[in-house]
Amino acid sequence: MERALRRLKKKVDREGTLKVVRNHRHFEKPSEKRRRKEKAARFSAMLTARYADL
């Protein structure tokens, strides 16, 4: 039983199901959504730039 629960948790985490549910709990304005996506893009670009030299 524990193994099945662990597999389910991993699958849900990989698919990002909980993130989608949490994001739909309240309305997000289009400008907020765009700002959040830009922030995530800047963060990932910063990480790729940081580790590109290694």
C-alpha atoms as a PDB file:
ATOM      1  CA  MET A   1       0.000   0.000   0.000  1.00  0.00           C
ATOM      2  CA  GLU A   2       2.795   2.421   0.885  1.00  0.00           C
ATOM      3  CA  ARG A   3       4.578   1.712  -2.384  1.00  0.00           C
ATOM      4  CA  ALA A   4       1.426   2.439  -4.395  1.00  0.00           C
ATOM      5  CA  LEU A   5       0.929   5.716  -2.544  1.00  0.00           C
ATOM      6  CA  ARG A   6       4.549   6.694  -3.179  1.00  0.00           C
ATOM      7  CA  ARG A   7       4.169   5.909  -6.894  1.00  0.00           C
ATOM      8  CA  LEU A   8       0.990   7.996  -7.066  1.00  0.00           C
ATOM      9  CA  LYS A   9       2.694  10.946  -5.363  1.00  0.00           C
ATOM     10  CA  LYS A  10       5.628  10.768  -7.788  1.00  0.00           C
ATOM     11  CA  LYS A  11       3.319  10.592 -10.804  1.00  0.00           C
ATOM     12  CA  VAL A  12       1.204  13.540  -9.635  1.00  0.00           C
ATOM     13  CA  ASP A  13       4.355  15.535  -8.917  1.00  0.00           C
ATOM     14  CA  ARG A  14       5.849  14.780 -12.341  1.00  0.00           C
ATOM     15  CA  GLU A  15       2.664  15.743 -14.171  1.00  0.00           C
ATOM     16  CA  GLY A  16       2.313  18.986 -12.227  1.00  0.00           C
ATOM     17  CA  THR A  17      -1.318  18.288 -11.342  1.00  0.00           C
ATOM     18  CA  LEU A  18      -1.143  19.929  -7.929  1.00  0.00           C
ATOM     19  CA  LYS A  19       0.411  23.091  -9.364  1.00  0.00           C
ATOM     20  CA  VAL A  20      -2.490  23.425 -11.796  1.00  0.00           C
ATOM     21  CA  VAL A  21      -5.051  22.915  -9.038  1.00  0.00           C
ATOM     22  CA  ARG A  22      -3.365  25.467  -6.794  1.00  0.00           C
ATOM     23  CA  ASN A  23      -3.177  28.000  -9.622  1.00  0.00           C
ATOM     24  CA  HIS A  24      -6.903  27.639 -10.323  1.00  0.00           C
ATOM     25  CA  ARG A  25      -7.982  28.233  -6.719  1.00  0.00           C
ATOM     26  CA  HIS A  26      -8.281  31.946  -7.367  1.00  0.00           C
ATOM     27  CA  PHE A  27      -8.519  34.124 -10.443  1.00  0.00           C
ATOM     28  CA  GLU A  28      -5.257  35.468 -11.768  1.00  0.00           C
ATOM     29  CA  LYS A  29      -5.302  38.546 -13.929  1.00  0.00           C
ATOM     30  CA  PRO A  30      -3.585  38.216 -17.313  1.00  0.00           C
ATOM     31  CA  SER A  31      -0.994  40.804 -16.283  1.00  0.00           C
ATOM     32  CA  GLU A  32      -0.187  38.800 -13.129  1.00  0.00           C
ATOM     33  CA  LYS A  33       0.103  35.618 -15.166  1.00  0.00           C
ATOM     34  CA  ARG A  34       2.456  37.312 -17.636  1.00  0.00           C
ATOM     35  CA  ARG A  35       4.544  38.768 -14.793  1.00  0.00           C
ATOM     36  CA  ARG A  36       4.822  35.346 -13.127  1.00  0.00           C
ATOM     37  CA  LYS A  37       5.890  33.688 -16.369  1.00  0.00           C
ATOM     38  CA  GLU A  38       8.477  36.399 -17.081  1.00  0.00           C
ATOM     39  CA  LYS A  39       9.891  35.989 -13.581  1.00  0.00           C
ATOM     40  CA  ALA A  40      10.204  32.228 -14.064  1.00  0.00           C
ATOM     41  CA  ALA A  41      11.872  32.767 -17.448  1.00  0.00           C
ATOM     42  CA  ARG A  42      14.384  35.196 -15.948  1.00  0.00           C
ATOM     43  CA  PHE A  43      15.188  32.737 -13.170  1.00  0.00           C
ATOM     44  CA  SER A  44      15.746  29.818 -15.542  1.00  0.00           C
ATOM     45  CA  ALA A  45      17.859  32.018 -17.836  1.00  0.00           C
ATOM     46  CA  MET A  46      19.954  33.053 -14.869  1.00  0.00           C
ATOM     47  CA  LEU A  47      20.501  29.426 -13.898  1.00  0.00           C
ATOM     48  CA  THR A  48      21.494  28.386 -17.424  1.00  0.00           C
ATOM     49  CA  ALA A  49      23.884  31.342 -17.679  1.00  0.00           C
ATOM     50  CA  ARG A  50      25.410  30.515 -14.305  1.00  0.00           C
ATOM     51  CA  TYR A  51      26.076  26.870 -15.139  1.00  0.00           C
ATOM     52  CA  ALA A  52      26.926  27.321 -18.833  1.00  0.00           C
ATOM     53  CA  ASP A  53      30.565  28.088 -18.017  1.00  0.00           C
ATOM     54  CA  LEU A  54      31.099  24.906 -15.980  1.00  0.00           C
END
